[in-house]
């Protein structure tokens, strides 16, 4: 059950309760120089969708901020759709 102190996924804007599958996303992929770089906490489904949709090179070069991920035309519909699901929703990534 979500609480007021749960972190918020910066992509779908849903809370991330401790019992919900979650992942840390490297804004610059580790394989492209992002090892030890900034990370953001996301729902696991949000993280899986990023990596199913975008290549590591594109993430490193063009989509390496939360704002860029939220605005990416191949992801916007997913963020809008998953935002309507409960925080624990963990269906298949697109």
PDB file of N, CA and C in Angstrom:
ATOM      1  N   UNK A   1       0.844  -1.185   0.000  1.00  0.00           N
ATOM      2  CA  UNK A   1       0.000   0.000   0.000  1.00  0.00           C
ATOM      3  C   UNK A   1       0.887   1.247   0.000  1.00  0.00           C
ATOM      4  N   UNK A   2       0.665   2.181  -0.920  1.00  0.00           N
ATOM      5  CA  UNK A   2       1.497   3.388  -0.983  1.00  0.00           C
ATOM      6  C   UNK A   2       1.334   4.265   0.260  1.00  0.00           C
ATOM      7  N   UNK A   3       2.405   4.930   0.627  1.00  0.00           N
ATOM      8  CA  UNK A   3       2.352   5.900   1.717  1.00  0.00           C
ATOM      9  C   UNK A   3       2.866   7.242   1.204  1.00  0.00           C
ATOM     10  N   UNK A   4       2.667   8.260   2.005  1.00  0.00           N
ATOM     11  CA  UNK A   4       3.090   9.612   1.605  1.00  0.00           C
ATOM     12  C   UNK A   4       4.608   9.735   1.504  1.00  0.00           C
ATOM     13  N   UNK A   5       5.340   8.824   2.133  1.00  0.00           N
ATOM     14  CA  UNK A   5       6.803   8.918   2.127  1.00  0.00           C
ATOM     15  C   UNK A   5       7.448   8.075   1.034  1.00  0.00           C
ATOM     16  N   UNK A   6       6.657   7.328   0.268  1.00  0.00           N
ATOM     17  CA  UNK A   6       7.211   6.518  -0.815  1.00  0.00           C
ATOM     18  C   UNK A   6       7.811   7.414  -1.893  1.00  0.00           C
ATOM     19  N   UNK A   7       8.944   6.987  -2.463  1.00  0.00           N
ATOM     20  CA  UNK A   7       9.484   7.751  -3.592  1.00  0.00           C
ATOM     21  C   UNK A   7       8.510   7.715  -4.765  1.00  0.00           C
ATOM     22  N   UNK A   8       8.621   8.675  -5.648  1.00  0.00           N
ATOM     23  CA  UNK A   8       7.763   8.774  -6.834  1.00  0.00           C
ATOM     24  C   UNK A   8       8.603   8.432  -8.063  1.00  0.00           C
ATOM     25  N   UNK A   9       8.056   7.590  -8.918  1.00  0.00           N
ATOM     26  CA  UNK A   9       8.728   7.286 -10.179  1.00  0.00           C
ATOM     27  C   UNK A   9       8.698   8.554 -11.028  1.00  0.00           C
ATOM     28  N   UNK A  10       9.850   9.062 -11.453  1.00  0.00           N
ATOM     29  CA  UNK A  10       9.871  10.312 -12.201  1.00  0.00           C
ATOM     30  C   UNK A  10       9.310  10.189 -13.629  1.00  0.00           C
ATOM     31  N   UNK A  11       9.012   8.976 -14.068  1.00  0.00           N
ATOM     32  CA  UNK A  11       8.494   8.792 -15.426  1.00  0.00           C
ATOM     33  C   UNK A  11       6.978   8.656 -15.444  1.00  0.00           C
ATOM     34  N   UNK A  12       6.433   7.761 -14.635  1.00  0.00           N
ATOM     35  CA  UNK A  12       4.980   7.569 -14.639  1.00  0.00           C
ATOM     36  C   UNK A  12       4.299   8.360 -13.525  1.00  0.00           C
ATOM     37  N   UNK A  13       5.090   8.898 -12.613  1.00  0.00           N
ATOM     38  CA  UNK A  13       4.626   9.741 -11.513  1.00  0.00           C
ATOM     39  C   UNK A  13       3.762   9.006 -10.493  1.00  0.00           C
ATOM     40  N   UNK A  14       3.888   7.668 -10.448  1.00  0.00           N
ATOM     41  CA  UNK A  14       3.205   6.877  -9.418  1.00  0.00           C
ATOM     42  C   UNK A  14       4.172   6.631  -8.265  1.00  0.00           C
ATOM     43  N   UNK A  15       3.626   6.441  -7.047  1.00  0.00           N
ATOM     44  CA  UNK A  15       4.504   6.116  -5.917  1.00  0.00           C
ATOM     45  C   UNK A  15       5.161   4.750  -6.120  1.00  0.00           C
ATOM     46  N   UNK A  16       6.304   4.558  -5.464  1.00  0.00           N
ATOM     47  CA  UNK A  16       7.025   3.287  -5.515  1.00  0.00           C
ATOM     48  C   UNK A  16       7.101   2.739  -4.086  1.00  0.00           C
ATOM     49  N   UNK A  17       6.079   2.012  -3.644  1.00  0.00           N
ATOM     50  CA  UNK A  17       6.135   1.410  -2.302  1.00  0.00           C
ATOM     51  C   UNK A  17       7.270   0.392  -2.211  1.00  0.00           C
ATOM     52  N   UNK A  18       7.758   0.112  -0.996  1.00  0.00           N
ATOM     53  CA  UNK A  18       8.899  -0.799  -0.841  1.00  0.00           C
ATOM     54  C   UNK A  18       8.638  -2.215  -1.360  1.00  0.00           C
ATOM     55  N   UNK A  19       7.388  -2.657  -1.377  1.00  0.00           N
ATOM     56  CA  UNK A  19       7.090  -4.026  -1.794  1.00  0.00           C
ATOM     57  C   UNK A  19       6.824  -4.159  -3.295  1.00  0.00           C
ATOM     58  N   UNK A  20       7.025  -3.088  -4.044  1.00  0.00           N
ATOM     59  CA  UNK A  20       6.771  -3.079  -5.485  1.00  0.00           C
ATOM     60  C   UNK A  20       8.086  -3.285  -6.237  1.00  0.00           C
ATOM     61  N   UNK A  21       8.093  -4.094  -7.317  1.00  0.00           N
ATOM     62  CA  UNK A  21       9.325  -4.261  -8.093  1.00  0.00           C
ATOM     63  C   UNK A  21       9.855  -2.912  -8.588  1.00  0.00           C
ATOM     64  N   UNK A  22      11.121  -2.672  -8.327  1.00  0.00           N
ATOM     65  CA  UNK A  22      11.738  -1.394  -8.683  1.00  0.00           C
ATOM     66  C   UNK A  22      13.150  -1.626  -9.196  1.00  0.00           C
ATOM     67  N   UNK A  23      13.676  -0.642  -9.906  1.00  0.00           N
ATOM     68  CA  UNK A  23      15.012  -0.728 -10.499  1.00  0.00           C
ATOM     69  C   UNK A  23      15.668   0.645 -10.472  1.00  0.00           C
ATOM     70  N   UNK A  24      16.989   0.633 -10.509  1.00  0.00           N
ATOM     71  CA  UNK A  24      17.756   1.873 -10.685  1.00  0.00           C
ATOM     72  C   UNK A  24      18.162   1.942 -12.147  1.00  0.00           C
ATOM     73  N   UNK A  25      17.861   3.067 -12.771  1.00  0.00           N
ATOM     74  CA  UNK A  25      18.206   3.280 -14.175  1.00  0.00           C
ATOM     75  C   UNK A  25      19.383   4.234 -14.254  1.00  0.00           C
ATOM     76  N   UNK A  26      20.446   3.807 -14.938  1.00  0.00           N
ATOM     77  CA  UNK A  26      21.579   4.702 -15.203  1.00  0.00           C
ATOM     78  C   UNK A  26      21.171   5.627 -16.347  1.00  0.00           C
ATOM     79  N   UNK A  27      21.183   6.923 -16.102  1.00  0.00           N
ATOM     80  CA  UNK A  27      20.778   7.871 -17.141  1.00  0.00           C
ATOM     81  C   UNK A  27      21.686   7.767 -18.357  1.00  0.00           C
ATOM     82  N   UNK A  28      22.957   7.513 -18.136  1.00  0.00           N
ATOM     83  CA  UNK A  28      23.872   7.168 -19.229  1.00  0.00           C
ATOM     84  C   UNK A  28      24.209   5.694 -19.012  1.00  0.00           C
ATOM     85  N   UNK A  29      23.886   4.841 -19.965  1.00  0.00           N
ATOM     86  CA  UNK A  29      24.100   3.410 -19.769  1.00  0.00           C
ATOM     87  C   UNK A  29      25.545   3.081 -19.366  1.00  0.00           C
ATOM     88  N   UNK A  30      25.670   2.097 -18.486  1.00  0.00           N
ATOM     89  CA  UNK A  30      27.001   1.689 -18.006  1.00  0.00           C
ATOM     90  C   UNK A  30      27.933   1.332 -19.165  1.00  0.00           C
ATOM     91  N   UNK A  31      27.393   0.678 -20.177  1.00  0.00           N
ATOM     92  CA  UNK A  31      28.220   0.270 -21.318  1.00  0.00           C
ATOM     93  C   UNK A  31      28.653   1.446 -22.188  1.00  0.00           C
ATOM     94  N   UNK A  32      28.074   2.602 -21.962  1.00  0.00           N
ATOM     95  CA  UNK A  32      28.413   3.804 -22.749  1.00  0.00           C
ATOM     96  C   UNK A  32      29.033   4.888 -21.871  1.00  0.00           C
ATOM     97  N   UNK A  33      29.664   4.483 -20.774  1.00  0.00           N
ATOM     98  CA  UNK A  33      30.390   5.438 -19.933  1.00  0.00           C
ATOM     99  C   UNK A  33      29.648   5.908 -18.701  1.00  0.00           C
ATOM    100  N   UNK A  34      28.495   5.347 -18.404  1.00  0.00           N
ATOM    101  CA  UNK A  34      27.701   5.814 -17.277  1.00  0.00           C
ATOM    102  C   UNK A  34      27.922   5.073 -15.973  1.00  0.00           C
ATOM    103  N   UNK A  35      28.894   4.154 -15.934  1.00  0.00           N
ATOM    104  CA  UNK A  35      29.155   3.412 -14.702  1.00  0.00           C
ATOM    105  C   UNK A  35      29.555   4.404 -13.615  1.00  0.00           C
ATOM    106  N   UNK A  36      28.844   4.369 -12.506  1.00  0.00           N
ATOM    107  CA  UNK A  36      29.124   5.308 -11.422  1.00  0.00           C
ATOM    108  C   UNK A  36      28.446   6.653 -11.622  1.00  0.00           C
ATOM    109  N   UNK A  37      27.720   6.811 -12.736  1.00  0.00           N
ATOM    110  CA  UNK A  37      27.027   8.072 -13.021  1.00  0.00           C
ATOM    111  C   UNK A  37      25.675   8.132 -12.333  1.00  0.00           C
ATOM    112  N   UNK A  38      24.907   9.175 -12.605  1.00  0.00           N
ATOM    113  CA  UNK A  38      23.624   9.350 -11.935  1.00  0.00           C
ATOM    114  C   UNK A  38      22.615   8.250 -12.302  1.00  0.00           C
ATOM    115  N   UNK A  39      21.843   7.863 -11.293  1.00  0.00           N
ATOM    116  CA  UNK A  39      20.778   6.884 -11.489  1.00  0.00           C
ATOM    117  C   UNK A  39      19.473   7.451 -10.949  1.00  0.00           C
ATOM    118  N   UNK A  40      18.362   6.882 -11.405  1.00  0.00           N
ATOM    119  CA  UNK A  40      17.045   7.249 -10.878  1.00  0.00           C
ATOM    120  C   UNK A  40      16.298   5.968 -10.535  1.00  0.00           C
ATOM    121  N   UNK A  41      15.514   6.021  -9.455  1.00  0.00           N
ATOM    122  CA  UNK A  41      14.702   4.890  -9.035  1.00  0.00           C
ATOM    123  C   UNK A  41      13.406   4.890  -9.840  1.00  0.00           C
ATOM    124  N   UNK A  42      13.097   3.747 -10.448  1.00  0.00           N
ATOM    125  CA  UNK A  42      11.905   3.610 -11.294  1.00  0.00           C
ATOM    126  C   UNK A  42      11.160   2.336 -10.928  1.00  0.00           C
ATOM    127  N   UNK A  43       9.884   2.278 -11.317  1.00  0.00           N
ATOM    128  CA  UNK A  43       9.185   0.993 -11.288  1.00  0.00           C
ATOM    129  C   UNK A  43       9.922   0.076 -12.262  1.00  0.00           C
ATOM    130  N   UNK A  44       9.949  -1.200 -11.936  1.00  0.00           N
ATOM    131  CA  UNK A  44      10.643  -2.140 -12.807  1.00  0.00           C
ATOM    132  C   UNK A  44      10.028  -2.146 -14.211  1.00  0.00           C
ATOM    133  N   UNK A  45       8.706  -2.054 -14.313  1.00  0.00           N
ATOM    134  CA  UNK A  45       8.057  -2.054 -15.635  1.00  0.00           C
ATOM    135  C   UNK A  45       8.469  -0.818 -16.448  1.00  0.00           C
ATOM    136  N   UNK A  46       8.632   0.307 -15.786  1.00  0.00           N
ATOM    137  CA  UNK A  46       9.069   1.524 -16.496  1.00  0.00           C
ATOM    138  C   UNK A  46      10.497   1.332 -17.011  1.00  0.00           C
ATOM    139  N   UNK A  47      11.349   0.744 -16.176  1.00  0.00           N
ATOM    140  CA  UNK A  47      12.735   0.509 -16.568  1.00  0.00           C
ATOM    141  C   UNK A  47      12.812  -0.477 -17.732  1.00  0.00           C
ATOM    142  N   UNK A  48      12.058  -1.579 -17.640  1.00  0.00           N
ATOM    143  CA  UNK A  48      12.061  -2.569 -18.728  1.00  0.00           C
ATOM    144  C   UNK A  48      11.597  -1.942 -20.037  1.00  0.00           C
ATOM    145  N   UNK A  49      10.596  -1.077 -19.963  1.00  0.00           N
ATOM    146  CA  UNK A  49      10.058  -0.456 -21.178  1.00  0.00           C
ATOM    147  C   UNK A  49      11.095   0.441 -21.847  1.00  0.00           C
ATOM    148  N   UNK A  50      11.845   1.177 -21.065  1.00  0.00           N
ATOM    149  CA  UNK A  50      12.921   2.013 -21.630  1.00  0.00           C
ATOM    150  C   UNK A  50      13.856   1.148 -22.459  1.00  0.00           C
ATOM    151  N   UNK A  51      14.312   0.050 -21.867  1.00  0.00           N
ATOM    152  CA  UNK A  51      15.330  -0.772 -22.532  1.00  0.00           C
ATOM    153  C   UNK A  51      14.765  -1.639 -23.653  1.00  0.00           C
ATOM    154  N   UNK A  52      13.462  -1.877 -23.654  1.00  0.00           N
ATOM    155  CA  UNK A  52      12.851  -2.583 -24.781  1.00  0.00           C
ATOM    156  C   UNK A  52      12.608  -1.633 -25.952  1.00  0.00           C
ATOM    157  N   UNK A  53      12.547  -0.342 -25.667  1.00  0.00           N
ATOM    158  CA  UNK A  53      12.191   0.649 -26.681  1.00  0.00           C
ATOM    159  C   UNK A  53      13.408   1.325 -27.302  1.00  0.00           C
ATOM    160  N   UNK A  54      14.415   1.614 -26.489  1.00  0.00           N
ATOM    161  CA  UNK A  54      15.549   2.424 -26.942  1.00  0.00           C
ATOM    162  C   UNK A  54      16.864   1.660 -26.848  1.00  0.00           C
ATOM    163  N   UNK A  55      17.744   1.904 -27.805  1.00  0.00           N
ATOM    164  CA  UNK A  55      19.077   1.305 -27.786  1.00  0.00           C
ATOM    165  C   UNK A  55      19.979   2.068 -26.820  1.00  0.00           C
ATOM    166  N   UNK A  56      21.002   1.375 -26.342  1.00  0.00           N
ATOM    167  CA  UNK A  56      21.955   1.977 -25.398  1.00  0.00           C
ATOM    168  C   UNK A  56      22.596   3.243 -25.984  1.00  0.00           C
ATOM    169  N   UNK A  57      22.933   3.200 -27.258  1.00  0.00           N
ATOM    170  CA  UNK A  57      23.574   4.356 -27.899  1.00  0.00           C
ATOM    171  C   UNK A  57      22.635   5.553 -27.894  1.00  0.00           C
ATOM    172  N   UNK A  58      21.357   5.333 -28.221  1.00  0.00           N
ATOM    173  CA  UNK A  58      20.402   6.448 -28.220  1.00  0.00           C
ATOM    174  C   UNK A  58      20.213   6.991 -26.813  1.00  0.00           C
ATOM    175  N   UNK A  59      20.150   6.097 -25.818  1.00  0.00           N
ATOM    176  CA  UNK A  59      20.030   6.547 -24.432  1.00  0.00           C
ATOM    177  C   UNK A  59      21.222   7.412 -24.045  1.00  0.00           C
ATOM    178  N   UNK A  60      22.419   6.980 -24.395  1.00  0.00           N
ATOM    179  CA  UNK A  60      23.624   7.721 -24.025  1.00  0.00           C
ATOM    180  C   UNK A  60      23.707   9.080 -24.718  1.00  0.00           C
ATOM    181  N   UNK A  61      23.366   9.113 -25.996  1.00  0.00           N
ATOM    182  CA  UNK A  61      23.529  10.351 -26.775  1.00  0.00           C
ATOM    183  C   UNK A  61      22.387  11.349 -26.611  1.00  0.00           C
ATOM    184  N   UNK A  62      21.135  10.854 -26.678  1.00  0.00           N
ATOM    185  CA  UNK A  62      20.003  11.773 -26.810  1.00  0.00           C
ATOM    186  C   UNK A  62      18.956  11.721 -25.706  1.00  0.00           C
ATOM    187  N   UNK A  63      18.908  10.622 -24.968  1.00  0.00           N
ATOM    188  CA  UNK A  63      17.811  10.446 -24.009  1.00  0.00           C
ATOM    189  C   UNK A  63      18.413  10.126 -22.640  1.00  0.00           C
ATOM    190  N   UNK A  64      19.245  11.032 -22.145  1.00  0.00           N
ATOM    191  CA  UNK A  64      19.978  10.766 -20.917  1.00  0.00           C
ATOM    192  C   UNK A  64      19.564  11.651 -19.742  1.00  0.00           C
ATOM    193  N   UNK A  65      18.319  12.130 -19.790  1.00  0.00           N
ATOM    194  CA  UNK A  65      17.750  12.868 -18.663  1.00  0.00           C
ATOM    195  C   UNK A  65      16.324  12.350 -18.438  1.00  0.00           C
ATOM    196  N   UNK A  66      15.815  12.581 -17.251  1.00  0.00           N
ATOM    197  CA  UNK A  66      14.424  12.202 -16.962  1.00  0.00           C
ATOM    198  C   UNK A  66      13.488  12.949 -17.906  1.00  0.00           C
ATOM    199  N   UNK A  67      13.756  14.220 -18.144  1.00  0.00           N
ATOM    200  CA  UNK A  67      12.894  15.025 -19.018  1.00  0.00           C
ATOM    201  C   UNK A  67      12.855  14.441 -20.433  1.00  0.00           C
ATOM    202  N   UNK A  68      14.011  14.044 -20.938  1.00  0.00           N
ATOM    203  CA  UNK A  68      14.074  13.468 -22.284  1.00  0.00           C
ATOM    204  C   UNK A  68      13.328  12.131 -22.341  1.00  0.00           C
ATOM    205  N   UNK A  69      13.446  11.319 -21.295  1.00  0.00           N
ATOM    206  CA  UNK A  69      12.715  10.051 -21.255  1.00  0.00           C
ATOM    207  C   UNK A  69      11.206  10.288 -21.217  1.00  0.00           C
ATOM    208  N   UNK A  70      10.770  11.240 -20.395  1.00  0.00           N
ATOM    209  CA  UNK A  70       9.321  11.530 -20.290  1.00  0.00           C
ATOM    210  C   UNK A  70       8.768  12.061 -21.603  1.00  0.00           C
ATOM    211  N   UNK A  71       9.579  12.766 -22.370  1.00  0.00           N
ATOM    212  CA  UNK A  71       9.106  13.407 -23.605  1.00  0.00           C
ATOM    213  C   UNK A  71       9.349  12.574 -24.856  1.00  0.00           C
ATOM    214  N   UNK A  72      10.061  11.465 -24.742  1.00  0.00           N
ATOM    215  CA  UNK A  72      10.402  10.702 -25.948  1.00  0.00           C
ATOM    216  C   UNK A  72       9.124  10.210 -26.631  1.00  0.00           C
ATOM    217  N   UNK A  73       8.977  10.467 -27.930  1.00  0.00           N
ATOM    218  CA  UNK A  73       7.725  10.136 -28.628  1.00  0.00           C
ATOM    219  C   UNK A  73       7.370   8.646 -28.609  1.00  0.00           C
ATOM    220  N   UNK A  74       8.357   7.762 -28.474  1.00  0.00           N
ATOM    221  CA  UNK A  74       8.061   6.331 -28.429  1.00  0.00           C
ATOM    222  C   UNK A  74       7.675   5.853 -27.033  1.00  0.00           C
ATOM    223  N   UNK A  75       7.761   6.739 -26.036  1.00  0.00           N
ATOM    224  CA  UNK A  75       7.467   6.357 -24.663  1.00  0.00           C
ATOM    225  C   UNK A  75       6.291   7.107 -24.040  1.00  0.00           C
ATOM    226  N   UNK A  76       5.939   8.257 -24.569  1.00  0.00           N
ATOM    227  CA  UNK A  76       4.904   9.104 -23.966  1.00  0.00           C
ATOM    228  C   UNK A  76       3.589   8.350 -23.744  1.00  0.00           C
ATOM    229  N   UNK A  77       3.149   7.608 -24.734  1.00  0.00           N
ATOM    230  CA  UNK A  77       1.881   6.879 -24.591  1.00  0.00           C
ATOM    231  C   UNK A  77       1.957   5.840 -23.483  1.00  0.00           C
ATOM    232  N   UNK A  78       3.112   5.209 -23.351  1.00  0.00           N
ATOM    233  CA  UNK A  78       3.268   4.230 -22.277  1.00  0.00           C
ATOM    234  C   UNK A  78       3.185   4.910 -20.919  1.00  0.00           C
ATOM    235  N   UNK A  79       3.886   6.037 -20.709  1.00  0.00           N
ATOM    236  CA  UNK A  79       3.837   6.734 -19.405  1.00  0.00           C
ATOM    237  C   UNK A  79       2.392   7.108 -19.074  1.00  0.00           C
ATOM    238  N   UNK A  80       1.665   7.620 -20.050  1.00  0.00           N
ATOM    239  CA  UNK A  80       0.262   7.995 -19.817  1.00  0.00           C
ATOM    240  C   UNK A  80      -0.587   6.786 -19.454  1.00  0.00           C
ATOM    241  N   UNK A  81      -0.353   5.664 -20.138  1.00  0.00           N
ATOM    242  CA  UNK A  81      -1.130   4.449 -19.901  1.00  0.00           C
ATOM    243  C   UNK A  81      -0.811   3.848 -18.531  1.00  0.00           C
ATOM    244  N   UNK A  82       0.459   3.685 -18.222  1.00  0.00           N
ATOM    245  CA  UNK A  82       0.839   3.023 -16.974  1.00  0.00           C
ATOM    246  C   UNK A  82       0.517   3.904 -15.762  1.00  0.00           C
ATOM    247  N   UNK A  83       0.461   5.208 -15.949  1.00  0.00           N
ATOM    248  CA  UNK A  83       0.126   6.117 -14.842  1.00  0.00           C
ATOM    249  C   UNK A  83      -1.258   5.841 -14.280  1.00  0.00           C
ATOM    250  N   UNK A  84      -2.116   5.215 -15.066  1.00  0.00           N
ATOM    251  CA  UNK A  84      -3.488   4.910 -14.628  1.00  0.00           C
ATOM    252  C   UNK A  84      -3.576   3.559 -13.904  1.00  0.00           C
ATOM    253  N   UNK A  85      -2.462   2.851 -13.801  1.00  0.00           N
ATOM    254  CA  UNK A  85      -2.422   1.542 -13.150  1.00  0.00           C
ATOM    255  C   UNK A  85      -1.989   1.718 -11.688  1.00  0.00           C
ATOM    256  N   UNK A  86      -2.330   0.747 -10.837  1.00  0.00           N
ATOM    257  CA  UNK A  86      -1.878   0.835  -9.435  1.00  0.00           C
ATOM    258  C   UNK A  86      -0.351   0.746  -9.356  1.00  0.00           C
ATOM    259  N   UNK A  87       0.255   1.283  -8.288  1.00  0.00           N
ATOM    260  CA  UNK A  87       1.720   1.291  -8.169  1.00  0.00           C
ATOM    261  C   UNK A  87       2.352  -0.096  -8.295  1.00  0.00           C
ATOM    262  N   UNK A  88       1.666  -1.129  -7.873  1.00  0.00           N
ATOM    263  CA  UNK A  88       2.230  -2.462  -7.928  1.00  0.00           C
ATOM    264  C   UNK A  88       2.045  -3.166  -9.253  1.00  0.00           C
ATOM    265  N   UNK A  89       1.425  -2.524 -10.229  1.00  0.00           N
ATOM    266  CA  UNK A  89       1.188  -3.142 -11.525  1.00  0.00           C
ATOM    267  C   UNK A  89       2.515  -3.537 -12.150  1.00  0.00           C
ATOM    268  N   UNK A  90       2.593  -4.784 -12.575  1.00  0.00           N
ATOM    269  CA  UNK A  90       3.852  -5.235 -13.176  1.00  0.00           C
ATOM    270  C   UNK A  90       3.594  -6.107 -14.397  1.00  0.00           C
ATOM    271  N   UNK A  91       2.635  -5.705 -15.201  1.00  0.00           N
ATOM    272  CA  UNK A  91       2.354  -6.425 -16.442  1.00  0.00           C
ATOM    273  C   UNK A  91       3.555  -6.401 -17.356  1.00  0.00           C
ATOM    274  N   UNK A  92       3.383  -6.910 -18.511  1.00  0.00           N
ATOM    275  CA  UNK A  92       4.486  -6.982 -19.467  1.00  0.00           C
ATOM    276  C   UNK A  92       4.832  -5.600 -19.999  1.00  0.00           C
ATOM    277  N   UNK A  93       6.116  -5.364 -20.148  1.00  0.00           N
ATOM    278  CA  UNK A  93       6.564  -4.119 -20.792  1.00  0.00           C
ATOM    279  C   UNK A  93       6.189  -4.207 -22.258  1.00  0.00           C
ATOM    280  N   UNK A  94       5.963  -3.071 -22.887  1.00  0.00           N
ATOM    281  CA  UNK A  94       5.537  -3.087 -24.290  1.00  0.00           C
ATOM    282  C   UNK A  94       6.607  -3.568 -25.216  1.00  0.00           C
TER     283      UNK A  94
END
